[in-house]
Protein backbone atom coordinates (compact mmCIF):
# COMPACT_ATOMS: atom_id res chain seq x y z
CA UNK A 1 113.34 113.82 92.31
CA UNK A 2 114.18 111.93 89.11
CA UNK A 3 111.48 110.38 86.93
CA UNK A 4 111.90 107.18 84.86
CA UNK A 5 108.96 106.93 82.54
CA UNK A 6 109.89 103.79 80.97
CA UNK A 7 106.75 102.46 79.13
CA UNK A 8 106.80 98.70 78.33
CA UNK A 9 110.08 96.85 79.47
CA UNK A 10 110.90 93.32 79.70
CA UNK A 11 109.54 91.40 82.67
CA UNK A 12 112.95 91.26 84.57
CA UNK A 13 113.55 95.14 83.92
CA UNK A 14 110.18 95.94 85.49
CA UNK A 15 111.67 94.60 88.74
CA UNK A 16 115.30 95.21 88.51
CA UNK A 17 115.49 98.72 87.81
CA UNK A 18 114.03 99.96 91.08
CA UNK A 19 116.45 97.43 92.88
CA UNK A 20 119.13 98.77 91.02
CA UNK A 21 118.46 102.62 91.91
CA UNK A 22 118.34 101.37 95.47
CA UNK A 23 121.69 99.71 95.41
CA UNK A 24 123.31 102.56 93.57
CA UNK A 25 122.06 104.99 96.18
CA UNK A 26 119.97 107.00 93.88
CA UNK A 27 116.42 108.22 94.37
CA UNK A 28 113.77 108.17 91.89
CA UNK A 29 110.22 107.32 90.63
CA UNK A 30 109.74 104.63 88.13
CA UNK A 31 106.76 104.26 85.82
CA UNK A 32 106.64 101.10 83.67
CA UNK A 33 104.76 97.98 82.53
CA UNK A 34 106.03 94.58 81.80
CA UNK A 35 105.87 93.24 78.12
CA UNK A 36 105.25 89.64 79.15
CA UNK A 37 103.70 87.77 82.19
CA UNK A 38 105.55 86.58 85.21
CA UNK A 39 105.06 85.49 88.77
CA UNK A 40 106.60 87.61 91.54
CA UNK A 41 107.31 86.52 94.99
CA UNK A 42 107.44 88.74 98.19
CA UNK A 43 110.69 88.63 100.18
CA UNK A 44 108.94 86.55 102.94
CA UNK A 45 107.06 84.13 100.74
CA UNK A 46 107.84 80.43 100.65
CA UNK A 47 108.25 79.27 97.01
CA UNK A 48 107.46 75.52 97.74
CA UNK A 49 104.23 76.33 99.76
CA UNK A 50 103.09 78.96 97.59
CA UNK A 51 103.75 78.40 93.92
CA UNK A 52 102.90 75.44 91.45
CA UNK A 53 106.06 75.37 89.70
CA UNK A 54 105.07 72.76 87.11
CA UNK A 55 102.16 75.13 85.94
CA UNK A 56 104.67 78.09 85.66
CA UNK A 57 107.14 76.02 83.62
CA UNK A 58 104.42 74.60 81.39
CA UNK A 59 103.04 78.12 80.59
CA UNK A 60 106.41 79.68 80.44
CA UNK A 61 106.08 81.99 83.50
CA UNK A 62 109.27 83.23 84.84
CA UNK A 63 109.57 83.43 88.56
CA UNK A 64 111.18 86.36 90.38
CA UNK A 65 111.60 87.11 94.16
CA UNK A 66 111.84 90.70 95.00
CA UNK A 67 113.43 92.44 98.09
CA UNK A 68 110.18 93.90 99.26
CA UNK A 69 107.26 92.73 101.20
CA UNK A 70 103.60 91.82 100.02
CA UNK A 71 102.57 88.52 98.64
CA UNK A 72 102.70 86.47 95.38
CA UNK A 73 101.32 88.32 92.40
CA UNK A 74 100.87 87.69 88.68
CA UNK A 75 102.23 90.50 86.67
CA UNK A 76 101.43 90.95 82.99
CA UNK A 77 100.68 93.68 80.36
CA UNK A 78 97.56 95.52 81.21
CA UNK A 79 99.15 96.58 84.49
CA UNK A 80 101.05 99.85 85.28
CA UNK A 81 103.69 99.93 87.94
CA UNK A 82 104.82 102.86 90.13
CA UNK A 83 108.02 102.31 92.21
CA UNK A 84 109.45 104.92 94.47
CA UNK A 85 112.97 104.73 95.85
CA UNK A 86 114.15 107.05 98.61
CA UNK A 87 117.31 107.08 100.74
CA UNK A 88 116.75 106.11 104.17
CA UNK A 89 117.93 109.68 105.35
CA UNK A 90 115.25 111.33 103.26
CA UNK A 91 113.53 113.52 105.69
CA UNK A 92 110.10 112.74 104.24
CA UNK A 93 110.21 109.17 105.49
CA UNK A 94 108.69 108.43 108.92
CA UNK A 95 110.40 106.17 111.32
CA UNK A 96 107.60 103.55 110.83
CA UNK A 97 107.80 102.87 107.16
CA UNK A 98 104.30 101.60 106.68
CA UNK A 99 102.95 105.10 107.66
CA UNK A 100 104.35 106.54 104.31
CA UNK A 101 101.85 104.57 102.35
CA UNK A 102 99.28 107.17 103.09
CA UNK A 103 101.41 109.79 101.19
CA UNK A 104 103.03 107.55 98.55
CA UNK A 105 99.64 105.97 97.48
CA UNK A 106 98.07 109.45 96.87
CA UNK A 107 98.92 109.72 93.09
CA UNK A 108 97.28 106.44 92.29
CA UNK A 109 94.29 107.39 94.43
CA UNK A 110 93.98 110.58 92.60
CA UNK A 111 94.01 108.97 89.10
CA UNK A 112 91.32 106.48 90.27
CA UNK A 113 89.10 109.34 91.34
CA UNK A 114 89.62 111.20 88.21
CA UNK A 115 88.23 108.13 86.59
CA UNK A 116 84.90 108.24 88.82
CA UNK A 117 86.17 105.45 91.11
CA UNK A 118 85.94 106.23 94.76
CA UNK A 119 89.14 104.72 95.95
CA UNK A 120 90.79 105.05 99.39
CA UNK A 121 93.73 104.03 101.22
CA UNK A 122 92.99 101.05 103.60
CA UNK A 123 96.04 100.65 105.90
CA UNK A 124 98.49 99.36 105.71
CA UNK A 125 98.99 99.23 101.92
CA UNK A 126 95.78 98.56 100.02
CA UNK A 127 93.71 100.90 97.85
CA UNK A 128 90.15 100.02 97.80
CA UNK A 129 86.69 101.19 96.14
CA UNK A 130 84.18 99.95 98.54
CA UNK A 131 85.14 96.41 99.36
CA UNK A 132 86.99 95.82 96.13
CA UNK A 133 90.80 95.96 95.87
CA UNK A 134 92.10 98.46 93.34
CA UNK A 135 95.88 98.06 93.74
CA UNK A 136 98.40 95.85 95.48
CA UNK A 137 101.39 97.61 97.21
CA UNK A 138 104.39 96.65 99.32
CA UNK A 139 107.46 98.09 100.63
CA UNK A 140 110.93 97.15 101.94
CA UNK A 141 114.51 98.37 102.53
CA UNK A 142 116.87 97.49 99.74
CA UNK A 143 120.58 98.57 100.49
CA UNK A 144 120.45 102.22 101.99
CA UNK A 145 117.02 102.86 100.44
CA UNK A 146 113.34 102.46 101.36
CA UNK A 147 111.34 101.17 98.28
CA UNK A 148 107.59 101.49 97.82
CA UNK A 149 105.89 99.54 94.95
CA UNK A 150 102.49 99.17 93.62
CA UNK A 151 100.37 98.72 90.49
CA UNK A 152 97.08 99.71 88.92
CA UNK A 153 95.17 97.01 87.10
CA UNK A 154 93.71 97.87 83.58
CA UNK A 155 92.79 94.22 83.55
CA UNK A 156 93.86 91.00 85.29
CA UNK A 157 94.22 87.36 84.38
CA UNK A 158 92.23 85.75 87.47
CA UNK A 159 92.23 82.35 86.01
CA UNK A 160 95.98 82.07 85.50
CA UNK A 161 96.53 83.72 88.94
CA UNK A 162 94.20 80.99 90.57
CA UNK A 163 96.44 78.23 88.81
CA UNK A 164 99.89 79.82 89.80
CA UNK A 165 99.18 79.26 93.48
CA UNK A 166 99.21 75.92 95.16
CA UNK A 167 95.61 74.98 96.10
CA UNK A 168 94.66 71.89 98.25
CA UNK A 169 91.73 70.94 95.95
CA UNK A 170 90.02 72.03 92.61
CA UNK A 171 87.01 73.42 94.67
CA UNK A 172 89.63 75.61 96.67
CA UNK A 173 91.16 76.83 93.26
CA UNK A 174 87.63 77.80 92.07
CA UNK A 175 86.64 79.52 95.10
CA UNK A 176 89.92 81.57 95.13
CA UNK A 177 89.36 82.55 91.54
CA UNK A 178 85.60 83.69 92.44
CA UNK A 179 86.84 85.46 95.51
CA UNK A 180 89.29 87.49 93.46
CA UNK A 181 86.68 88.26 90.91
CA UNK A 182 84.26 89.47 93.63
CA UNK A 183 86.75 91.54 95.53
CA UNK A 184 89.14 93.14 92.99
CA UNK A 185 88.45 95.96 90.73
CA UNK A 186 90.01 96.41 87.25
CA UNK A 187 89.86 99.64 85.17
CA UNK A 188 88.61 98.04 82.28
CA UNK A 189 85.32 97.14 84.10
CA UNK A 190 84.66 100.83 84.61
CA UNK A 191 86.30 102.91 81.98
CA UNK A 192 86.29 102.46 78.36
CA UNK A 193 89.22 102.94 75.95
CA UNK A 194 91.60 103.84 78.76
CA UNK A 195 95.32 103.97 77.84
CA UNK A 196 98.22 103.23 79.76
CA UNK A 197 99.74 106.42 78.69
CA UNK A 198 96.89 108.36 80.40
CA UNK A 199 97.52 106.48 83.67
CA UNK A 200 101.31 107.11 83.44
CA UNK A 201 100.61 110.87 82.87
CA UNK A 202 98.31 111.04 85.82
CA UNK A 203 100.81 109.18 88.13
CA UNK A 204 103.66 111.27 87.13
CA UNK A 205 101.60 114.40 87.88
CA UNK A 206 100.67 112.99 91.20
CA UNK A 207 104.14 112.10 92.23
CA UNK A 208 105.13 115.70 91.18
CA UNK A 209 102.62 116.99 93.78
CA UNK A 210 104.18 114.66 96.34
CA UNK A 211 107.87 115.13 95.78
CA UNK A 212 108.06 118.46 93.95
CA UNK A 213 109.27 118.79 90.28
CA UNK A 214 110.29 115.67 88.62
CA UNK A 215 113.22 115.61 86.27
CA UNK A 216 112.94 113.07 83.34
CA UNK A 217 115.67 110.55 83.08
CA UNK A 218 116.50 107.86 80.63
CA UNK A 219 118.08 104.48 81.94
CA UNK A 220 121.90 105.15 81.88
CA UNK A 221 124.67 102.62 81.62
CA UNK A 222 125.52 102.27 85.24
CA UNK A 223 121.67 101.71 86.02
CA UNK A 224 121.29 99.31 83.15
CA UNK A 225 124.35 97.26 84.02
CA UNK A 226 123.46 96.97 87.82
CA UNK A 227 119.91 95.85 86.82
CA UNK A 228 121.26 93.23 84.51
CA UNK A 229 123.60 91.85 87.24
CA UNK A 230 120.63 91.74 89.76
CA UNK A 231 118.54 89.81 87.24
CA UNK A 232 120.69 86.62 87.82
CA UNK A 233 120.76 87.18 91.57
CA UNK A 234 117.01 87.59 92.10
CA UNK A 235 116.00 84.72 89.76
CA UNK A 236 118.74 82.41 91.06
CA UNK A 237 117.15 79.01 92.36
CA UNK A 238 118.95 79.29 95.74
CA UNK A 239 117.53 82.72 96.29
CA UNK A 240 113.96 81.74 95.01
CA UNK A 241 113.91 78.77 97.26
CA UNK A 242 115.07 80.29 100.41
CA UNK A 243 112.52 79.38 103.33
CA UNK A 244 109.72 81.77 103.91
CA UNK A 245 106.72 82.04 106.22
CA UNK A 246 104.88 78.74 106.35
CA UNK A 247 101.35 77.84 107.74
CA UNK A 248 99.78 74.63 108.88
CA UNK A 249 96.58 75.49 106.93
CA UNK A 250 96.54 76.85 103.32
CA UNK A 251 95.72 80.50 103.58
CA UNK A 252 95.64 82.96 100.62
CA UNK A 253 95.20 86.61 101.02
CA UNK A 254 92.81 88.05 98.59
CA UNK A 255 92.83 91.67 99.93
CA UNK A 256 93.38 93.51 103.06
CA UNK A 257 91.40 91.73 105.73
CA UNK A 258 90.21 89.07 103.38
CA UNK A 259 91.61 85.57 103.27
CA UNK A 260 90.65 82.19 101.76
CA UNK A 261 91.43 79.42 104.19
CA UNK A 262 91.19 75.61 103.89
CA UNK A 263 89.38 74.27 106.96
CA UNK A 264 89.06 70.57 107.09
CA UNK A 265 89.15 70.34 103.27
CA UNK A 266 86.55 73.04 102.91
CA UNK A 267 87.40 76.50 101.57
CA UNK A 268 86.13 79.23 103.90
CA UNK A 269 86.35 82.96 103.15
CA UNK A 270 87.52 84.89 106.31
CA UNK A 271 86.60 88.67 106.26
CA UNK A 272 87.85 90.74 109.13
CA UNK A 273 88.65 87.60 111.21
CA UNK A 274 85.20 86.18 110.75
CA UNK A 275 84.18 83.13 108.56
CA UNK A 276 81.60 83.95 105.80
CA UNK A 277 81.75 80.79 103.68
CA UNK A 278 78.20 81.25 102.20
CA UNK A 279 79.93 84.11 100.11
CA UNK A 280 82.17 81.51 98.53
CA UNK A 281 79.83 78.47 98.20
CA UNK A 282 77.11 80.69 96.70
CA UNK A 283 79.42 80.75 93.62
CA UNK A 284 79.02 76.93 93.11
CA UNK A 285 75.41 76.30 94.18
């Protein structure tokens, strides 16, 4: 298995290289971080319903739609990405793609635990420490490849994330921000003087245990050219605006099993299918 440890790359490169590997029919693990912030839609998201485009334009936040699942995310420096590309005929892949998260998330879980954070896989695709989400992950088929992507948060811009998404009211926006802060974990909250390099080294070691010895590779010309061609395709207005899943009520996923929902102009936090609005309104009492 090839390892592309890229360090800081441009915002679009942080998404396009794994797409390019998949379309070129090449397997690999990519570890990288974006050098500037941007907004990334999942394959099934609806731009018009999800994103406050005026806010993004005002704050120079590019928008990208990836070809994997998962929800809308704000991506920026202070996040380390891991991206795994496997050909569909790879014998490690189960028939049900989501079952492979238990394997592909082990490197990140091991890094969290080495830092004293008792992280665990919460199916299908979350990593949590207690009730707090540590990592967002997604997967999808791209070309003839199965792709798994995720991140580790050194820090996170909760305030900007709460503005990027469309919300029905200022109260809903405020509650969404509070719900994220209460239910997401960043490494800077728990570890002092943590470097991205240390995280990358830990992830590389972990993926070596999963896939066997990894061969370091640089980005070659075919990979770079393919990635550049995909930048235009995956940021094109037509691609970004294609219809996605829409709901009658505004509902935003905070973590696995946890949603903020607009119920008759009142933001209600839904945990495991049960309303627990006091957890939200307690933030504003």
